[in-house]
PDB file of N, CA and C in Angstrom:
ATOM      1  N   MET A   1     -97.749  71.258 -97.986  1.00  0.00           N
ATOM      2  CA  MET A   1     -98.793  72.099 -98.023  1.00  0.00           C
ATOM      3  C   MET A   1     -99.822  72.031 -98.931  1.00  0.00           C
ATOM      4  N   ALA A   2    -100.971  72.457 -98.891  1.00  0.00           N
ATOM      5  CA  ALA A   2    -102.230  72.250 -99.499  1.00  0.00           C
ATOM      6  C   ALA A   2    -101.966  73.387-100.743  1.00  0.00           C
ATOM      7  N   LEU A   3    -102.897  72.689-101.758  1.00  0.00           N
ATOM      8  CA  LEU A   3    -103.042  73.970-102.614  1.00  0.00           C
ATOM      9  C   LEU A   3    -104.121  74.488-102.960  1.00  0.00           C
ATOM     10  N   ILE A   4    -104.069  75.722-103.356  1.00  0.00           N
ATOM     11  CA  ILE A   4    -105.380  76.253-103.333  1.00  0.00           C
ATOM     12  C   ILE A   4    -105.631  76.845-104.915  1.00  0.00           C
ATOM     13  N   LYS A   5    -106.849  77.248-105.192  1.00  0.00           N
ATOM     14  CA  LYS A   5    -106.867  77.862-106.346  1.00  0.00           C
ATOM     15  C   LYS A   5    -108.067  79.038-106.350  1.00  0.00           C
ATOM     16  N   VAL A   6    -107.597  79.904-106.603  1.00  0.00           N
ATOM     17  CA  VAL A   6    -108.528  81.473-106.870  1.00  0.00           C
ATOM     18  C   VAL A   6    -108.546  82.045-108.192  1.00  0.00           C
ATOM     19  N   LYS A   7    -109.395  82.573-108.454  1.00  0.00           N
ATOM     20  CA  LYS A   7    -109.530  83.457-109.523  1.00  0.00           C
ATOM     21  C   LYS A   7    -109.665  85.165-109.126  1.00  0.00           C
ATOM     22  N   ILE A   8    -108.882  85.698-109.668  1.00  0.00           N
ATOM     23  CA  ILE A   8    -108.495  87.310-109.395  1.00  0.00           C
ATOM     24  C   ILE A   8    -109.205  87.906-110.534  1.00  0.00           C
ATOM     25  N   LYS A   9    -110.044  88.912-110.458  1.00  0.00           N
ATOM     26  CA  LYS A   9    -110.454  90.024-111.321  1.00  0.00           C
ATOM     27  C   LYS A   9    -110.012  91.393-110.915  1.00  0.00           C
ATOM     28  N   ILE A  10    -109.124  91.832-112.181  1.00  0.00           N
ATOM     29  CA  ILE A  10    -108.253  93.033-111.858  1.00  0.00           C
ATOM     30  C   ILE A  10    -109.423  94.198-112.904  1.00  0.00           C
ATOM     31  N   TYR A  11    -109.419  95.415-112.439  1.00  0.00           N
ATOM     32  CA  TYR A  11    -110.044  96.608-112.646  1.00  0.00           C
ATOM     33  C   TYR A  11    -109.178  97.426-112.893  1.00  0.00           C
ATOM     34  N   GLY A  12    -109.259  98.149-113.804  1.00  0.00           N
ATOM     35  CA  GLY A  12    -108.462  99.704-113.918  1.00  0.00           C
ATOM     36  C   GLY A  12    -107.886  99.656-115.138  1.00  0.00           C
ATOM     37  N   ILE A  13    -106.875 100.151-115.684  1.00  0.00           N
ATOM     38  CA  ILE A  13    -105.733 100.153-116.884  1.00  0.00           C
ATOM     39  C   ILE A  13    -105.209  98.798-116.707  1.00  0.00           C
ATOM     40  N   VAL A  14    -105.773  98.153-116.890  1.00  0.00           N
ATOM     41  CA  VAL A  14    -104.682  96.833-117.017  1.00  0.00           C
ATOM     42  C   VAL A  14    -104.659  95.884-118.320  1.00  0.00           C
ATOM     43  N   GLN A  15    -105.431  96.365-119.405  1.00  0.00           N
ATOM     44  CA  GLN A  15    -104.583  95.944-120.610  1.00  0.00           C
ATOM     45  C   GLN A  15    -104.254  96.616-121.604  1.00  0.00           C
ATOM     46  N   GLY A  16    -103.108  96.401-122.094  1.00  0.00           N
ATOM     47  CA  GLY A  16    -102.121  97.104-123.017  1.00  0.00           C
ATOM     48  C   GLY A  16    -101.251  97.493-122.294  1.00  0.00           C
ATOM     49  N   VAL A  17    -100.792  96.976-121.069  1.00  0.00           N
ATOM     50  CA  VAL A  17     -99.729  97.527-120.300  1.00  0.00           C
ATOM     51  C   VAL A  17     -98.900  96.092-119.850  1.00  0.00           C
ATOM     52  N   PHE A  18     -98.731  95.213-120.455  1.00  0.00           N
ATOM     53  CA  PHE A  18     -97.994  93.727-120.009  1.00  0.00           C
ATOM     54  C   PHE A  18     -98.140  93.357-118.829  1.00  0.00           C
ATOM     55  N   PHE A  19     -99.497  93.640-118.245  1.00  0.00           N
ATOM     56  CA  PHE A  19    -100.140  92.786-117.108  1.00  0.00           C
ATOM     57  C   PHE A  19    -100.023  91.193-117.244  1.00  0.00           C
ATOM     58  N   ARG A  20    -100.715  90.604-117.899  1.00  0.00           N
ATOM     59  CA  ARG A  20    -100.584  89.109-118.323  1.00  0.00           C
ATOM     60  C   ARG A  20     -99.170  88.504-118.059  1.00  0.00           C
ATOM     61  N   VAL A  21     -98.356  89.200-119.396  1.00  0.00           N
ATOM     62  CA  VAL A  21     -97.112  88.973-119.491  1.00  0.00           C
ATOM     63  C   VAL A  21     -96.440  89.169-118.139  1.00  0.00           C
ATOM     64  N   SER A  22     -96.419  90.180-117.300  1.00  0.00           N
ATOM     65  CA  SER A  22     -96.043  90.273-115.969  1.00  0.00           C
ATOM     66  C   SER A  22     -96.537  89.377-114.915  1.00  0.00           C
ATOM     67  N   ALA A  23     -97.822  88.805-115.203  1.00  0.00           N
ATOM     68  CA  ALA A  23     -98.668  88.213-114.165  1.00  0.00           C
ATOM     69  C   ALA A  23     -97.775  86.696-114.209  1.00  0.00           C
ATOM     70  N   VAL A  24     -97.460  86.490-115.487  1.00  0.00           N
ATOM     71  CA  VAL A  24     -96.941  84.803-115.632  1.00  0.00           C
ATOM     72  C   VAL A  24     -95.459  84.885-115.250  1.00  0.00           C
ATOM     73  N   ASP A  25     -94.731  85.728-115.225  1.00  0.00           N
ATOM     74  CA  ASP A  25     -93.621  86.030-114.744  1.00  0.00           C
ATOM     75  C   ASP A  25     -93.422  86.078-113.218  1.00  0.00           C
ATOM     76  N   LYS A  26     -94.535  86.600-112.783  1.00  0.00           N
ATOM     77  CA  LYS A  26     -94.372  86.977-111.292  1.00  0.00           C
ATOM     78  C   LYS A  26     -94.871  85.508-110.681  1.00  0.00           C
ATOM     79  N   ALA A  27     -95.797  84.756-111.367  1.00  0.00           N
ATOM     80  CA  ALA A  27     -96.113  83.373-111.083  1.00  0.00           C
ATOM     81  C   ALA A  27     -95.042  82.380-111.100  1.00  0.00           C
ATOM     82  N   ASN A  28     -94.121  82.567-112.169  1.00  0.00           N
ATOM     83  CA  ASN A  28     -92.986  81.527-112.440  1.00  0.00           C
ATOM     84  C   ASN A  28     -92.237  82.001-111.120  1.00  0.00           C
ATOM     85  N   GLU A  29     -91.777  83.086-110.892  1.00  0.00           N
ATOM     86  CA  GLU A  29     -90.726  83.673-109.597  1.00  0.00           C
ATOM     87  C   GLU A  29     -91.587  82.934-108.442  1.00  0.00           C
ATOM     88  N   LEU A  30     -92.711  82.576-107.946  1.00  0.00           N
ATOM     89  CA  LEU A  30     -93.191  82.172-106.995  1.00  0.00           C
ATOM     90  C   LEU A  30     -93.396  80.658-107.193  1.00  0.00           C
ATOM     91  N   GLY A  31     -93.331  80.061-108.128  1.00  0.00           N
ATOM     92  CA  GLY A  31     -93.503  78.958-108.233  1.00  0.00           C
ATOM     93  C   GLY A  31     -95.031  78.031-108.593  1.00  0.00           C
ATOM     94  N   ILE A  32     -95.758  78.937-108.781  1.00  0.00           N
ATOM     95  CA  ILE A  32     -97.714  78.683-109.207  1.00  0.00           C
ATOM     96  C   ILE A  32     -97.855  78.885-110.445  1.00  0.00           C
ATOM     97  N   ALA A  33     -99.189  78.015-110.770  1.00  0.00           N
ATOM     98  CA  ALA A  33     -99.587  78.277-112.143  1.00  0.00           C
ATOM     99  C   ALA A  33    -100.490  79.412-112.169  1.00  0.00           C
ATOM    100  N   CYS A  34    -100.444  79.890-113.204  1.00  0.00           N
ATOM    101  CA  CYS A  34    -101.257  80.983-113.561  1.00  0.00           C
ATOM    102  C   CYS A  34    -101.906  81.140-115.116  1.00  0.00           C
ATOM    103  N   GLU A  35    -102.840  81.543-115.099  1.00  0.00           N
ATOM    104  CA  GLU A  35    -103.596  81.633-116.355  1.00  0.00           C
ATOM    105  C   GLU A  35    -104.373  82.831-116.647  1.00  0.00           C
ATOM    106  N   PRO A  36    -103.941  83.978-117.081  1.00  0.00           N
ATOM    107  CA  PRO A  36    -104.618  85.321-117.194  1.00  0.00           C
ATOM    108  C   PRO A  36    -104.990  85.353-118.707  1.00  0.00           C
ATOM    109  N   LYS A  37    -106.081  86.158-118.383  1.00  0.00           N
ATOM    110  CA  LYS A  37    -107.187  86.409-119.749  1.00  0.00           C
ATOM    111  C   LYS A  37    -107.261  87.457-119.756  1.00  0.00           C
ATOM    112  N   ASN A  38    -107.679  88.375-121.260  1.00  0.00           N
ATOM    113  CA  ASN A  38    -108.007  89.519-121.086  1.00  0.00           C
ATOM    114  C   ASN A  38    -109.643  89.420-121.235  1.00  0.00           C
ATOM    115  N   MET A  39    -110.424  90.163-120.647  1.00  0.00           N
ATOM    116  CA  MET A  39    -111.923  89.705-120.740  1.00  0.00           C
ATOM    117  C   MET A  39    -112.629  91.535-121.570  1.00  0.00           C
ATOM    118  N   PRO A  40    -113.636  91.083-122.231  1.00  0.00           N
ATOM    119  CA  PRO A  40    -114.328  92.086-123.044  1.00  0.00           C
ATOM    120  C   PRO A  40    -114.582  93.306-122.144  1.00  0.00           C
ATOM    121  N   ASP A  41    -114.736  93.233-120.830  1.00  0.00           N
ATOM    122  CA  ASP A  41    -115.265  94.434-120.148  1.00  0.00           C
ATOM    123  C   ASP A  41    -113.979  95.274-119.936  1.00  0.00           C
ATOM    124  N   ASN A  42    -112.505  95.146-120.484  1.00  0.00           N
ATOM    125  CA  ASN A  42    -111.557  95.688-120.267  1.00  0.00           C
ATOM    126  C   ASN A  42    -110.742  95.298-118.772  1.00  0.00           C
ATOM    127  N   THR A  43    -111.125  93.860-118.115  1.00  0.00           N
ATOM    128  CA  THR A  43    -110.340  93.618-117.200  1.00  0.00           C
ATOM    129  C   THR A  43    -109.656  92.881-117.530  1.00  0.00           C
ATOM    130  N   ILE A  44    -108.868  92.143-116.678  1.00  0.00           N
ATOM    131  CA  ILE A  44    -108.159  91.020-116.646  1.00  0.00           C
ATOM    132  C   ILE A  44    -108.550  89.885-115.581  1.00  0.00           C
ATOM    133  N   GLU A  45    -108.724  88.296-115.970  1.00  0.00           N
ATOM    134  CA  GLU A  45    -109.074  87.544-115.503  1.00  0.00           C
ATOM    135  C   GLU A  45    -107.905  86.528-114.967  1.00  0.00           C
ATOM    136  N   ILE A  46    -107.496  86.398-113.814  1.00  0.00           N
ATOM    137  CA  ILE A  46    -106.507  85.348-113.592  1.00  0.00           C
ATOM    138  C   ILE A  46    -106.656  84.452-112.909  1.00  0.00           C
ATOM    139  N   VAL A  47    -106.762  83.123-113.134  1.00  0.00           N
ATOM    140  CA  VAL A  47    -107.032  81.762-112.701  1.00  0.00           C
ATOM    141  C   VAL A  47    -105.506  81.512-111.947  1.00  0.00           C
ATOM    142  N   VAL A  48    -105.207  81.247-110.974  1.00  0.00           N
ATOM    143  CA  VAL A  48    -103.890  80.957-110.334  1.00  0.00           C
ATOM    144  C   VAL A  48    -104.095  79.779-109.144  1.00  0.00           C
ATOM    145  N   GLU A  49    -103.327  78.877-109.263  1.00  0.00           N
ATOM    146  CA  GLU A  49    -103.073  77.846-108.121  1.00  0.00           C
ATOM    147  C   GLU A  49    -101.742  77.521-107.782  1.00  0.00           C
ATOM    148  N   GLY A  50    -101.895  77.109-106.320  1.00  0.00           N
ATOM    149  CA  GLY A  50    -100.327  76.962-105.649  1.00  0.00           C
ATOM    150  C   GLY A  50    -100.360  77.016-104.463  1.00  0.00           C
ATOM    151  N   ASN A  51     -99.498  76.746-103.834  1.00  0.00           N
ATOM    152  CA  ASN A  51     -99.620  76.918-102.133  1.00  0.00           C
ATOM    153  C   ASN A  51    -100.054  78.366-101.402  1.00  0.00           C
ATOM    154  N   GLU A  52    -100.688  78.206-100.464  1.00  0.00           N
ATOM    155  CA  GLU A  52    -101.736  79.609 -99.890  1.00  0.00           C
ATOM    156  C   GLU A  52    -100.691  80.576-100.139  1.00  0.00           C
ATOM    157  N   GLU A  53     -99.398  80.305 -99.384  1.00  0.00           N
ATOM    158  CA  GLU A  53     -98.512  81.538 -98.887  1.00  0.00           C
ATOM    159  C   GLU A  53     -97.866  82.222-100.376  1.00  0.00           C
ATOM    160  N   ASN A  54     -98.005  81.406-101.292  1.00  0.00           N
ATOM    161  CA  ASN A  54     -97.444  82.173-102.709  1.00  0.00           C
ATOM    162  C   ASN A  54     -98.579  82.643-103.616  1.00  0.00           C
ATOM    163  N   VAL A  55     -99.906  82.065-103.425  1.00  0.00           N
ATOM    164  CA  VAL A  55    -100.752  82.920-103.914  1.00  0.00           C
ATOM    165  C   VAL A  55    -101.590  83.589-102.949  1.00  0.00           C
ATOM    166  N   SER A  56    -101.119  84.078-101.663  1.00  0.00           N
ATOM    167  CA  SER A  56    -101.178  85.447-101.383  1.00  0.00           C
ATOM    168  C   SER A  56    -100.546  86.364-101.842  1.00  0.00           C
ATOM    169  N   ARG A  57     -99.285  86.123-101.611  1.00  0.00           N
ATOM    170  CA  ARG A  57     -98.126  87.107-102.638  1.00  0.00           C
ATOM    171  C   ARG A  57     -98.461  87.368-103.812  1.00  0.00           C
ATOM    172  N   PHE A  58     -98.622  86.316-104.396  1.00  0.00           N
ATOM    173  CA  PHE A  58     -99.526  87.060-105.974  1.00  0.00           C
ATOM    174  C   PHE A  58    -100.446  88.072-106.031  1.00  0.00           C
ATOM    175  N   THR A  59    -101.775  87.701-105.112  1.00  0.00           N
ATOM    176  CA  THR A  59    -102.939  88.497-105.050  1.00  0.00           C
ATOM    177  C   THR A  59    -102.375  89.455-104.482  1.00  0.00           C
ATOM    178  N   GLU A  60    -101.349  89.830-103.692  1.00  0.00           N
ATOM    179  CA  GLU A  60    -100.874  91.222-103.270  1.00  0.00           C
ATOM    180  C   GLU A  60    -100.261  91.834-104.671  1.00  0.00           C
ATOM    181  N   TRP A  61     -99.626  91.184-105.054  1.00  0.00           N
ATOM    182  CA  TRP A  61     -98.819  91.818-106.161  1.00  0.00           C
ATOM    183  C   TRP A  61     -99.658  92.347-107.679  1.00  0.00           C
ATOM    184  N   CYS A  62    -100.849  91.773-107.335  1.00  0.00           N
ATOM    185  CA  CYS A  62    -102.222  92.148-108.271  1.00  0.00           C
ATOM    186  C   CYS A  62    -102.688  93.163-108.208  1.00  0.00           C
ATOM    187  N   LYS A  63    -102.589  93.615-106.741  1.00  0.00           N
ATOM    188  CA  LYS A  63    -102.988  95.050-106.493  1.00  0.00           C
ATOM    189  C   LYS A  63    -102.332  96.207-106.991  1.00  0.00           C
ATOM    190  N   THR A  64    -101.080  95.968-107.360  1.00  0.00           N
ATOM    191  CA  THR A  64    -100.207  97.336-108.336  1.00  0.00           C
ATOM    192  C   THR A  64    -100.056  96.778-109.644  1.00  0.00           C
ATOM    193  N   GLY A  65     -99.476  95.186-109.821  1.00  0.00           N
ATOM    194  CA  GLY A  65     -99.190  94.925-111.199  1.00  0.00           C
ATOM    195  C   GLY A  65     -98.055  95.446-111.840  1.00  0.00           C
ATOM    196  N   PRO A  66     -97.849  95.362-112.908  1.00  0.00           N
ATOM    197  CA  PRO A  66     -96.603  95.844-113.587  1.00  0.00           C
ATOM    198  C   PRO A  66     -96.778  97.332-113.689  1.00  0.00           C
ATOM    199  N   ASN A  67     -95.569  98.147-113.928  1.00  0.00           N
ATOM    200  CA  ASN A  67     -95.216  99.864-113.725  1.00  0.00           C
ATOM    201  C   ASN A  67     -96.255 100.224-114.435  1.00  0.00           C
ATOM    202  N   LEU A  68     -96.851 100.101-115.767  1.00  0.00           N
ATOM    203  CA  LEU A  68     -97.805 100.987-116.495  1.00  0.00           C
ATOM    204  C   LEU A  68     -99.129 100.691-116.029  1.00  0.00           C
ATOM    205  N   ALA A  69     -99.515  99.563-115.249  1.00  0.00           N
ATOM    206  CA  ALA A  69    -100.847  99.182-115.050  1.00  0.00           C
ATOM    207  C   ALA A  69    -101.254 100.339-113.883  1.00  0.00           C
ATOM    208  N   LYS A  70    -102.657 100.855-113.855  1.00  0.00           N
ATOM    209  CA  LYS A  70    -103.160 101.501-113.079  1.00  0.00           C
ATOM    210  C   LYS A  70    -104.568 100.765-112.447  1.00  0.00           C
ATOM    211  N   VAL A  71    -104.042 100.083-111.450  1.00  0.00           N
ATOM    212  CA  VAL A  71    -105.286  98.990-110.947  1.00  0.00           C
ATOM    213  C   VAL A  71    -106.092  99.656-110.016  1.00  0.00           C
ATOM    214  N   GLU A  72    -107.375  99.830-110.415  1.00  0.00           N
ATOM    215  CA  GLU A  72    -108.333 100.028-109.409  1.00  0.00           C
ATOM    216  C   GLU A  72    -108.896  99.338-108.320  1.00  0.00           C
ATOM    217  N   LYS A  73    -109.264  98.229-108.608  1.00  0.00           N
ATOM    218  CA  LYS A  73    -109.651  97.467-107.484  1.00  0.00           C
ATOM    219  C   LYS A  73    -109.341  95.803-108.283  1.00  0.00           C
ATOM    220  N   ILE A  74    -109.416  94.790-107.296  1.00  0.00           N
ATOM    221  CA  ILE A  74    -109.450  93.398-107.396  1.00  0.00           C
ATOM    222  C   ILE A  74    -110.475  92.924-106.836  1.00  0.00           C
ATOM    223  N   GLU A  75    -111.116  91.577-107.314  1.00  0.00           N
ATOM    224  CA  GLU A  75    -111.982  91.092-106.735  1.00  0.00           C
ATOM    225  C   GLU A  75    -111.349  89.560-106.568  1.00  0.00           C
ATOM    226  N   VAL A  76    -111.158  88.710-105.503  1.00  0.00           N
ATOM    227  CA  VAL A  76    -110.624  87.191-105.383  1.00  0.00           C
ATOM    228  C   VAL A  76    -111.944  86.399-105.194  1.00  0.00           C
ATOM    229  N   ILE A  77    -111.908  85.214-105.882  1.00  0.00           N
ATOM    230  CA  ILE A  77    -112.815  84.194-105.704  1.00  0.00           C
ATOM    231  C   ILE A  77    -111.934  83.084-105.285  1.00  0.00           C
ATOM    232  N   HIS A  78    -112.326  82.485-103.984  1.00  0.00           N
ATOM    233  CA  HIS A  78    -111.960  81.399-103.822  1.00  0.00           C
ATOM    234  C   HIS A  78    -112.623  80.114-104.792  1.00  0.00           C
ATOM    235  N   GLU A  79    -111.902  79.419-105.464  1.00  0.00           N
ATOM    236  CA  GLU A  79    -112.867  78.147-106.500  1.00  0.00           C
ATOM    237  C   GLU A  79    -112.383  76.644-105.499  1.00  0.00           C
ATOM    238  N   THR A  80    -113.146  75.855-106.115  1.00  0.00           N
ATOM    239  CA  THR A  80    -113.108  74.203-105.756  1.00  0.00           C
ATOM    240  C   THR A  80    -113.271  73.759-106.813  1.00  0.00           C
ATOM    241  N   ASP A  81    -112.697  72.596-106.746  1.00  0.00           N
ATOM    242  CA  ASP A  81    -112.614  71.712-108.087  1.00  0.00           C
ATOM    243  C   ASP A  81    -113.836  70.570-107.771  1.00  0.00           C
TER     244      ASP A  81
END
């Protein structure tokens, strides 16, 4: 199965609620690579790489995130190397 790479930008109450740690845990569970970063505009940006099915599952998880997060919206940008 081919690998895909996407950048996910997450808006809402997503900093200070263990979103990055939870994202890494979820990515590990799904067997995909994940690099989350807090951004100056109070969003989180996550670059994810893996098979399409698991990246899609991860993207769905990002719509709610961990229990303390309040996700307003996400943007998904498909990247090419």
